[in-house]
Amino acid sequence: MIGSGFIGCEAAASLAVRGADGVLVTGEDVPHVSRLGADVGKRLAGWLRDVGVELITGSPVSRIERSGDGWRVRREGSRRLSPMLAE
């Protein structure tokens, strides 16, 4: 998932509890910090990790690139995340 808004967090958690491996990438330091504050964001981050979501925080996505039959996500100032999405 890209983004730690309500939909991104819910989708990541829903997939994780169903056994899917997932990574949530966000530019925020903790999910929802800009909307709900740091305390709530830390609780949400803990909940997401508890259900099996890997969080990559503080690193905005700079672009999404096509790669063969899937996609790669590039973060600002960092390496690519690979593989990300299959069609």
PDB file of N, CA and C in Angstrom:
ATOM      1  N   MET A   1       0.839  -1.163   0.000  1.00  0.00           N
ATOM      2  CA  MET A   1       0.000   0.000   0.000  1.00  0.00           C
ATOM      3  C   MET A   1       0.890   1.234   0.000  1.00  0.00           C
ATOM      4  N   ILE A   2       0.415   2.242  -0.677  1.00  0.00           N
ATOM      5  CA  ILE A   2       1.109   3.517  -0.663  1.00  0.00           C
ATOM      6  C   ILE A   2       0.194   4.507   0.020  1.00  0.00           C
ATOM      7  N   GLY A   3       0.675   5.083   1.104  1.00  0.00           N
ATOM      8  CA  GLY A   3      -0.099   6.062   1.848  1.00  0.00           C
ATOM      9  C   GLY A   3      -0.691   5.474   3.112  1.00  0.00           C
ATOM     10  N   SER A   4      -0.716   6.283   4.157  1.00  0.00           N
ATOM     11  CA  SER A   4      -1.203   5.808   5.448  1.00  0.00           C
ATOM     12  C   SER A   4      -2.483   6.509   5.867  1.00  0.00           C
ATOM     13  N   GLY A   5      -3.309   6.835   4.877  1.00  0.00           N
ATOM     14  CA  GLY A   5      -4.625   7.370   5.184  1.00  0.00           C
ATOM     15  C   GLY A   5      -5.551   6.260   5.643  1.00  0.00           C
ATOM     16  N   PHE A   6      -6.811   6.590   5.823  1.00  0.00           N
ATOM     17  CA  PHE A   6      -7.774   5.600   6.310  1.00  0.00           C
ATOM     18  C   PHE A   6      -7.861   4.386   5.392  1.00  0.00           C
ATOM     19  N   ILE A   7      -7.948   4.612   4.104  1.00  0.00           N
ATOM     20  CA  ILE A   7      -8.103   3.498   3.167  1.00  0.00           C
ATOM     21  C   ILE A   7      -6.831   2.661   3.092  1.00  0.00           C
ATOM     22  N   GLY A   8      -5.667   3.289   3.023  1.00  0.00           N
ATOM     23  CA  GLY A   8      -4.413   2.549   2.954  1.00  0.00           C
ATOM     24  C   GLY A   8      -4.190   1.670   4.174  1.00  0.00           C
ATOM     25  N   CYS A   9      -4.446   2.216   5.369  1.00  0.00           N
ATOM     26  CA  CYS A   9      -4.273   1.433   6.599  1.00  0.00           C
ATOM     27  C   CYS A   9      -5.270   0.284   6.655  1.00  0.00           C
ATOM     28  N   GLU A  10      -6.511   0.553   6.333  1.00  0.00           N
ATOM     29  CA  GLU A  10      -7.537  -0.483   6.371  1.00  0.00           C
ATOM     30  C   GLU A  10      -7.260  -1.584   5.356  1.00  0.00           C
ATOM     31  N   ALA A  11      -6.872  -1.223   4.151  1.00  0.00           N
ATOM     32  CA  ALA A  11      -6.572  -2.226   3.127  1.00  0.00           C
ATOM     33  C   ALA A  11      -5.373  -3.071   3.541  1.00  0.00           C
ATOM     34  N   ALA A  12      -4.319  -2.452   4.039  1.00  0.00           N
ATOM     35  CA  ALA A  12      -3.129  -3.193   4.461  1.00  0.00           C
ATOM     36  C   ALA A  12      -3.464  -4.167   5.585  1.00  0.00           C
ATOM     37  N   ALA A  13      -4.219  -3.700   6.574  1.00  0.00           N
ATOM     38  CA  ALA A  13      -4.591  -4.561   7.697  1.00  0.00           C
ATOM     39  C   ALA A  13      -5.502  -5.697   7.245  1.00  0.00           C
ATOM     40  N   SER A  14      -6.477  -5.401   6.405  1.00  0.00           N
ATOM     41  CA  SER A  14      -7.413  -6.423   5.924  1.00  0.00           C
ATOM     42  C   SER A  14      -6.691  -7.522   5.155  1.00  0.00           C
ATOM     43  N   LEU A  15      -5.749  -7.132   4.307  1.00  0.00           N
ATOM     44  CA  LEU A  15      -4.983  -8.123   3.554  1.00  0.00           C
ATOM     45  C   LEU A  15      -4.086  -8.946   4.477  1.00  0.00           C
ATOM     46  N   ALA A  16      -3.462  -8.286   5.440  1.00  0.00           N
ATOM     47  CA  ALA A  16      -2.546  -8.989   6.351  1.00  0.00           C
ATOM     48  C   ALA A  16      -3.277 -10.032   7.194  1.00  0.00           C
ATOM     49  N   VAL A  17      -4.456  -9.708   7.709  1.00  0.00           N
ATOM     50  CA  VAL A  17      -5.178 -10.679   8.534  1.00  0.00           C
ATOM     51  C   VAL A  17      -5.691 -11.850   7.703  1.00  0.00           C
ATOM     52  N   ARG A  18      -5.705 -11.702   6.391  1.00  0.00           N
ATOM     53  CA  ARG A  18      -6.089 -12.793   5.498  1.00  0.00           C
ATOM     54  C   ARG A  18      -4.876 -13.565   4.988  1.00  0.00           C
ATOM     55  N   GLY A  19      -3.690 -13.239   5.525  1.00  0.00           N
ATOM     56  CA  GLY A  19      -2.492 -13.989   5.195  1.00  0.00           C
ATOM     57  C   GLY A  19      -1.620 -13.430   4.099  1.00  0.00           C
ATOM     58  N   ALA A  20      -1.979 -12.291   3.528  1.00  0.00           N
ATOM     59  CA  ALA A  20      -1.168 -11.689   2.463  1.00  0.00           C
ATOM     60  C   ALA A  20       0.014 -10.938   3.078  1.00  0.00           C
ATOM     61  N   ASP A  21       1.180 -11.049   2.438  1.00  0.00           N
ATOM     62  CA  ASP A  21       2.326 -10.246   2.850  1.00  0.00           C
ATOM     63  C   ASP A  21       2.087  -8.834   2.352  1.00  0.00           C
ATOM     64  N   GLY A  22       2.362  -7.870   3.201  1.00  0.00           N
ATOM     65  CA  GLY A  22       2.121  -6.508   2.767  1.00  0.00           C
ATOM     66  C   GLY A  22       3.079  -5.516   3.377  1.00  0.00           C
ATOM     67  N   VAL A  23       3.285  -4.453   2.628  1.00  0.00           N
ATOM     68  CA  VAL A  23       4.135  -3.346   3.047  1.00  0.00           C
ATOM     69  C   VAL A  23       3.323  -2.075   2.852  1.00  0.00           C
ATOM     70  N   LEU A  24       3.341  -1.208   3.841  1.00  0.00           N
ATOM     71  CA  LEU A  24       2.689   0.090   3.733  1.00  0.00           C
ATOM     72  C   LEU A  24       3.796   1.144   3.732  1.00  0.00           C
ATOM     73  N   VAL A  25       3.845   1.948   2.687  1.00  0.00           N
ATOM     74  CA  VAL A  25       4.872   2.985   2.532  1.00  0.00           C
ATOM     75  C   VAL A  25       4.203   4.337   2.687  1.00  0.00           C
ATOM     76  N   THR A  26       4.786   5.180   3.535  1.00  0.00           N
ATOM     77  CA  THR A  26       4.213   6.508   3.769  1.00  0.00           C
ATOM     78  C   THR A  26       5.299   7.541   4.043  1.00  0.00           C
ATOM     79  N   GLY A  27       5.018   8.761   3.678  1.00  0.00           N
ATOM     80  CA  GLY A  27       5.912   9.862   3.990  1.00  0.00           C
ATOM     81  C   GLY A  27       5.778  10.328   5.433  1.00  0.00           C
ATOM     82  N   GLU A  28       4.697   9.922   6.096  1.00  0.00           N
ATOM     83  CA  GLU A  28       4.491  10.301   7.496  1.00  0.00           C
ATOM     84  C   GLU A  28       5.399   9.470   8.401  1.00  0.00           C
ATOM     85  N   ASP A  29       5.724  10.016   9.570  1.00  0.00           N
ATOM     86  CA  ASP A  29       6.545   9.269  10.529  1.00  0.00           C
ATOM     87  C   ASP A  29       5.759   8.142  11.181  1.00  0.00           C
ATOM     88  N   VAL A  30       4.483   8.331  11.387  1.00  0.00           N
ATOM     89  CA  VAL A  30       3.561   7.296  11.849  1.00  0.00           C
ATOM     90  C   VAL A  30       2.244   7.498  11.103  1.00  0.00           C
ATOM     91  N   PRO A  31       1.472   6.433  10.898  1.00  0.00           N
ATOM     92  CA  PRO A  31       0.204   6.584  10.180  1.00  0.00           C
ATOM     93  C   PRO A  31      -0.714   7.614  10.834  1.00  0.00           C
ATOM     94  N   HIS A  32      -1.363   8.395  10.020  1.00  0.00           N
ATOM     95  CA  HIS A  32      -2.375   9.367  10.438  1.00  0.00           C
ATOM     96  C   HIS A  32      -1.871  10.497  11.331  1.00  0.00           C
ATOM     97  N   VAL A  33      -0.572  10.681  11.444  1.00  0.00           N
ATOM     98  CA  VAL A  33      -0.058  11.705  12.347  1.00  0.00           C
ATOM     99  C   VAL A  33      -0.603  13.091  12.003  1.00  0.00           C
ATOM    100  N   SER A  34      -0.727  13.394  10.728  1.00  0.00           N
ATOM    101  CA  SER A  34      -1.204  14.731  10.344  1.00  0.00           C
ATOM    102  C   SER A  34      -2.698  14.902  10.592  1.00  0.00           C
ATOM    103  N   ARG A  35      -3.437  13.818  10.661  1.00  0.00           N
ATOM    104  CA  ARG A  35      -4.886  13.893  10.863  1.00  0.00           C
ATOM    105  C   ARG A  35      -5.304  13.674  12.312  1.00  0.00           C
ATOM    106  N   LEU A  36      -4.616  12.738  13.000  1.00  0.00           N
ATOM    107  CA  LEU A  36      -5.071  12.336  14.325  1.00  0.00           C
ATOM    108  C   LEU A  36      -4.054  12.542  15.436  1.00  0.00           C
ATOM    109  N   GLY A  37      -2.837  12.944  15.074  1.00  0.00           N
ATOM    110  CA  GLY A  37      -1.810  13.194  16.077  1.00  0.00           C
ATOM    111  C   GLY A  37      -0.890  12.011  16.304  1.00  0.00           C
ATOM    112  N   ALA A  38       0.217  12.282  16.983  1.00  0.00           N
ATOM    113  CA  ALA A  38       1.270  11.287  17.172  1.00  0.00           C
ATOM    114  C   ALA A  38       0.835  10.112  18.047  1.00  0.00           C
ATOM    115  N   ASP A  39       0.092  10.369  19.122  1.00  0.00           N
ATOM    116  CA  ASP A  39      -0.309   9.279  20.013  1.00  0.00           C
ATOM    117  C   ASP A  39      -1.172   8.252  19.287  1.00  0.00           C
ATOM    118  N   VAL A  40      -2.170   8.724  18.562  1.00  0.00           N
ATOM    119  CA  VAL A  40      -3.036   7.818  17.811  1.00  0.00           C
ATOM    120  C   VAL A  40      -2.238   7.140  16.703  1.00  0.00           C
ATOM    121  N   GLY A  41      -1.369   7.889  16.033  1.00  0.00           N
ATOM    122  CA  GLY A  41      -0.546   7.319  14.977  1.00  0.00           C
ATOM    123  C   GLY A  41       0.330   6.180  15.476  1.00  0.00           C
ATOM    124  N   LYS A  42       0.907   6.337  16.667  1.00  0.00           N
ATOM    125  CA  LYS A  42       1.743   5.274  17.239  1.00  0.00           C
ATOM    126  C   LYS A  42       0.911   4.038  17.566  1.00  0.00           C
ATOM    127  N   ARG A  43      -0.284   4.246  18.068  1.00  0.00           N
ATOM    128  CA  ARG A  43      -1.175   3.104  18.346  1.00  0.00           C
ATOM    129  C   ARG A  43      -1.542   2.379  17.058  1.00  0.00           C
ATOM    130  N   LEU A  44      -1.862   3.142  16.020  1.00  0.00           N
ATOM    131  CA  LEU A  44      -2.187   2.533  14.728  1.00  0.00           C
ATOM    132  C   LEU A  44      -0.992   1.770  14.157  1.00  0.00           C
ATOM    133  N   ALA A  45       0.191   2.338  14.268  1.00  0.00           N
ATOM    134  CA  ALA A  45       1.391   1.660  13.778  1.00  0.00           C
ATOM    135  C   ALA A  45       1.582   0.329  14.505  1.00  0.00           C
ATOM    136  N   GLY A  46       1.387   0.328  15.807  1.00  0.00           N
ATOM    137  CA  GLY A  46       1.505  -0.907  16.582  1.00  0.00           C
ATOM    138  C   GLY A  46       0.479  -1.934  16.164  1.00  0.00           C
ATOM    139  N   TRP A  47      -0.744  -1.492  15.957  1.00  0.00           N
ATOM    140  CA  TRP A  47      -1.810  -2.390  15.521  1.00  0.00           C
ATOM    141  C   TRP A  47      -1.487  -2.985  14.152  1.00  0.00           C
ATOM    142  N   LEU A  48      -1.023  -2.150  13.227  1.00  0.00           N
ATOM    143  CA  LEU A  48      -0.668  -2.641  11.897  1.00  0.00           C
ATOM    144  C   LEU A  48       0.457  -3.668  11.968  1.00  0.00           C
ATOM    145  N   ARG A  49       1.478  -3.380  12.745  1.00  0.00           N
ATOM    146  CA  ARG A  49       2.586  -4.340  12.892  1.00  0.00           C
ATOM    147  C   ARG A  49       2.104  -5.639  13.533  1.00  0.00           C
ATOM    148  N   ASP A  50       1.220  -5.519  14.516  1.00  0.00           N
ATOM    149  CA  ASP A  50       0.692  -6.703  15.203  1.00  0.00           C
ATOM    150  C   ASP A  50      -0.049  -7.646  14.260  1.00  0.00           C
ATOM    151  N   VAL A  51      -0.697  -7.107  13.246  1.00  0.00           N
ATOM    152  CA  VAL A  51      -1.421  -7.969  12.300  1.00  0.00           C
ATOM    153  C   VAL A  51      -0.543  -8.394  11.124  1.00  0.00           C
ATOM    154  N   GLY A  52       0.719  -7.938  11.098  1.00  0.00           N
ATOM    155  CA  GLY A  52       1.655  -8.414  10.094  1.00  0.00           C
ATOM    156  C   GLY A  52       2.005  -7.467   8.971  1.00  0.00           C
ATOM    157  N   VAL A  53       1.647  -6.205   9.101  1.00  0.00           N
ATOM    158  CA  VAL A  53       1.983  -5.218   8.070  1.00  0.00           C
ATOM    159  C   VAL A  53       3.375  -4.669   8.341  1.00  0.00           C
ATOM    160  N   GLU A  54       4.235  -4.684   7.324  1.00  0.00           N
ATOM    161  CA  GLU A  54       5.546  -4.033   7.423  1.00  0.00           C
ATOM    162  C   GLU A  54       5.343  -2.560   7.110  1.00  0.00           C
ATOM    163  N   LEU A  55       5.841  -1.682   7.971  1.00  0.00           N
ATOM    164  CA  LEU A  55       5.712  -0.242   7.763  1.00  0.00           C
ATOM    165  C   LEU A  55       7.047   0.345   7.328  1.00  0.00           C
ATOM    166  N   ILE A  56       7.009   1.142   6.273  1.00  0.00           N
ATOM    167  CA  ILE A  56       8.161   1.941   5.862  1.00  0.00           C
ATOM    168  C   ILE A  56       7.683   3.381   5.944  1.00  0.00           C
ATOM    169  N   THR A  57       8.161   4.095   6.952  1.00  0.00           N
ATOM    170  CA  THR A  57       7.659   5.435   7.238  1.00  0.00           C
ATOM    171  C   THR A  57       8.716   6.489   6.958  1.00  0.00           C
ATOM    172  N   GLY A  58       8.258   7.729   6.863  1.00  0.00           N
ATOM    173  CA  GLY A  58       9.168   8.848   6.681  1.00  0.00           C
ATOM    174  C   GLY A  58       9.869   8.874   5.336  1.00  0.00           C
ATOM    175  N   SER A  59       9.303   8.197   4.347  1.00  0.00           N
ATOM    176  CA  SER A  59       9.944   8.099   3.046  1.00  0.00           C
ATOM    177  C   SER A  59       8.886   8.156   1.949  1.00  0.00           C
ATOM    178  N   PRO A  60       8.579   9.362   1.462  1.00  0.00           N
ATOM    179  CA  PRO A  60       7.543   9.489   0.430  1.00  0.00           C
ATOM    180  C   PRO A  60       7.903   8.741  -0.857  1.00  0.00           C
ATOM    181  N   VAL A  61       6.898   8.289  -1.548  1.00  0.00           N
ATOM    182  CA  VAL A  61       7.075   7.635  -2.835  1.00  0.00           C
ATOM    183  C   VAL A  61       7.329   8.707  -3.887  1.00  0.00           C
ATOM    184  N   SER A  62       8.369   8.504  -4.686  1.00  0.00           N
ATOM    185  CA  SER A  62       8.671   9.486  -5.729  1.00  0.00           C
ATOM    186  C   SER A  62       8.104   9.075  -7.079  1.00  0.00           C
ATOM    187  N   ARG A  63       7.998   7.751  -7.311  1.00  0.00           N
ATOM    188  CA  ARG A  63       7.377   7.310  -8.558  1.00  0.00           C
ATOM    189  C   ARG A  63       7.086   5.817  -8.511  1.00  0.00           C
ATOM    190  N   ILE A  64       6.223   5.406  -9.422  1.00  0.00           N
ATOM    191  CA  ILE A  64       5.884   4.007  -9.627  1.00  0.00           C
ATOM    192  C   ILE A  64       6.270   3.681 -11.055  1.00  0.00           C
ATOM    193  N   GLU A  65       7.034   2.593 -11.249  1.00  0.00           N
ATOM    194  CA  GLU A  65       7.537   2.256 -12.575  1.00  0.00           C
ATOM    195  C   GLU A  65       7.063   0.867 -12.990  1.00  0.00           C
ATOM    196  N   ARG A  66       6.799   0.723 -14.260  1.00  0.00           N
ATOM    197  CA  ARG A  66       6.465  -0.588 -14.810  1.00  0.00           C
ATOM    198  C   ARG A  66       7.727  -1.421 -14.841  1.00  0.00           C
ATOM    199  N   SER A  67       7.599  -2.695 -14.486  1.00  0.00           N
ATOM    200  CA  SER A  67       8.738  -3.604 -14.490  1.00  0.00           C
ATOM    201  C   SER A  67       8.262  -4.984 -14.924  1.00  0.00           C
ATOM    202  N   GLY A  68       8.463  -5.293 -16.185  1.00  0.00           N
ATOM    203  CA  GLY A  68       8.009  -6.582 -16.702  1.00  0.00           C
ATOM    204  C   GLY A  68       6.503  -6.713 -16.580  1.00  0.00           C
ATOM    205  N   ASP A  69       6.066  -7.727 -15.847  1.00  0.00           N
ATOM    206  CA  ASP A  69       4.626  -7.932 -15.680  1.00  0.00           C
ATOM    207  C   ASP A  69       4.104  -7.351 -14.367  1.00  0.00           C
ATOM    208  N   GLY A  70       4.900  -6.539 -13.696  1.00  0.00           N
ATOM    209  CA  GLY A  70       4.483  -5.944 -12.423  1.00  0.00           C
ATOM    210  C   GLY A  70       4.884  -4.478 -12.323  1.00  0.00           C
ATOM    211  N   TRP A  71       5.080  -4.036 -11.106  1.00  0.00           N
ATOM    212  CA  TRP A  71       5.393  -2.635 -10.829  1.00  0.00           C
ATOM    213  C   TRP A  71       6.470  -2.557  -9.766  1.00  0.00           C
ATOM    214  N   ARG A  72       7.238  -1.483  -9.794  1.00  0.00           N
ATOM    215  CA  ARG A  72       8.215  -1.174  -8.754  1.00  0.00           C
ATOM    216  C   ARG A  72       7.903   0.215  -8.210  1.00  0.00           C
ATOM    217  N   VAL A  73       8.155   0.366  -6.932  1.00  0.00           N
ATOM    218  CA  VAL A  73       7.922   1.648  -6.273  1.00  0.00           C
ATOM    219  C   VAL A  73       9.267   2.230  -5.879  1.00  0.00           C
ATOM    220  N   ARG A  74       9.496   3.477  -6.249  1.00  0.00           N
ATOM    221  CA  ARG A  74      10.738   4.157  -5.858  1.00  0.00           C
ATOM    222  C   ARG A  74      10.396   5.203  -4.798  1.00  0.00           C
ATOM    223  N   ARG A  75      11.189   5.163  -3.721  1.00  0.00           N
ATOM    224  CA  ARG A  75      11.009   6.128  -2.640  1.00  0.00           C
ATOM    225  C   ARG A  75      12.026   7.251  -2.771  1.00  0.00           C
ATOM    226  N   GLU A  76      11.680   8.423  -2.274  1.00  0.00           N
ATOM    227  CA  GLU A  76      12.609   9.556  -2.313  1.00  0.00           C
ATOM    228  C   GLU A  76      13.876   9.212  -1.555  1.00  0.00           C
ATOM    229  N   GLY A  77      15.017   9.401  -2.217  1.00  0.00           N
ATOM    230  CA  GLY A  77      16.309   9.229  -1.561  1.00  0.00           C
ATOM    231  C   GLY A  77      16.600   7.820  -1.092  1.00  0.00           C
ATOM    232  N   SER A  78      16.007   6.825  -1.726  1.00  0.00           N
ATOM    233  CA  SER A  78      16.211   5.470  -1.244  1.00  0.00           C
ATOM    234  C   SER A  78      16.147   4.482  -2.398  1.00  0.00           C
ATOM    235  N   ARG A  79      16.316   3.237  -2.055  1.00  0.00           N
ATOM    236  CA  ARG A  79      16.281   2.175  -3.050  1.00  0.00           C
ATOM    237  C   ARG A  79      14.853   1.882  -3.483  1.00  0.00           C
ATOM    238  N   ARG A  80      14.745   1.116  -4.563  1.00  0.00           N
ATOM    239  CA  ARG A  80      13.443   0.656  -5.023  1.00  0.00           C
ATOM    240  C   ARG A  80      12.905  -0.400  -4.082  1.00  0.00           C
ATOM    241  N   LEU A  81      11.596  -0.487  -4.006  1.00  0.00           N
ATOM    242  CA  LEU A  81      10.936  -1.605  -3.356  1.00  0.00           C
ATOM    243  C   LEU A  81      10.542  -2.557  -4.467  1.00  0.00           C
ATOM    244  N   SER A  82      10.905  -3.798  -4.355  1.00  0.00           N
ATOM    245  CA  SER A  82      10.683  -4.709  -5.464  1.00  0.00           C
ATOM    246  C   SER A  82      10.455  -6.117  -4.946  1.00  0.00           C
ATOM    247  N   PRO A  83       9.609  -6.922  -5.538  1.00  0.00           N
ATOM    248  CA  PRO A  83       8.541  -6.481  -6.442  1.00  0.00           C
ATOM    249  C   PRO A  83       7.396  -5.906  -5.623  1.00  0.00           C
ATOM    250  N   MET A  84       6.585  -5.107  -6.217  1.00  0.00           N
ATOM    251  CA  MET A  84       5.451  -4.555  -5.482  1.00  0.00           C
ATOM    252  C   MET A  84       4.159  -5.167  -5.971  1.00  0.00           C
ATOM    253  N   LEU A  85       3.657  -4.730  -7.089  1.00  0.00           N
ATOM    254  CA  LEU A  85       2.332  -5.132  -7.523  1.00  0.00           C
ATOM    255  C   LEU A  85       2.402  -5.955  -8.788  1.00  0.00           C
ATOM    256  N   ALA A  86       1.712  -7.041  -8.800  1.00  0.00           N
ATOM    257  CA  ALA A  86       1.568  -7.811 -10.038  1.00  0.00           C
ATOM    258  C   ALA A  86       0.218  -7.457 -10.649  1.00  0.00           C
ATOM    259  N   GLU A  87       0.141  -7.556 -11.947  1.00  0.00           N
ATOM    260  CA  GLU A  87      -1.127  -7.244 -12.609  1.00  0.00           C
ATOM    261  C   GLU A  87      -2.116  -8.345 -12.386  1.00  0.00           C
TER     262      GLU A  87
END
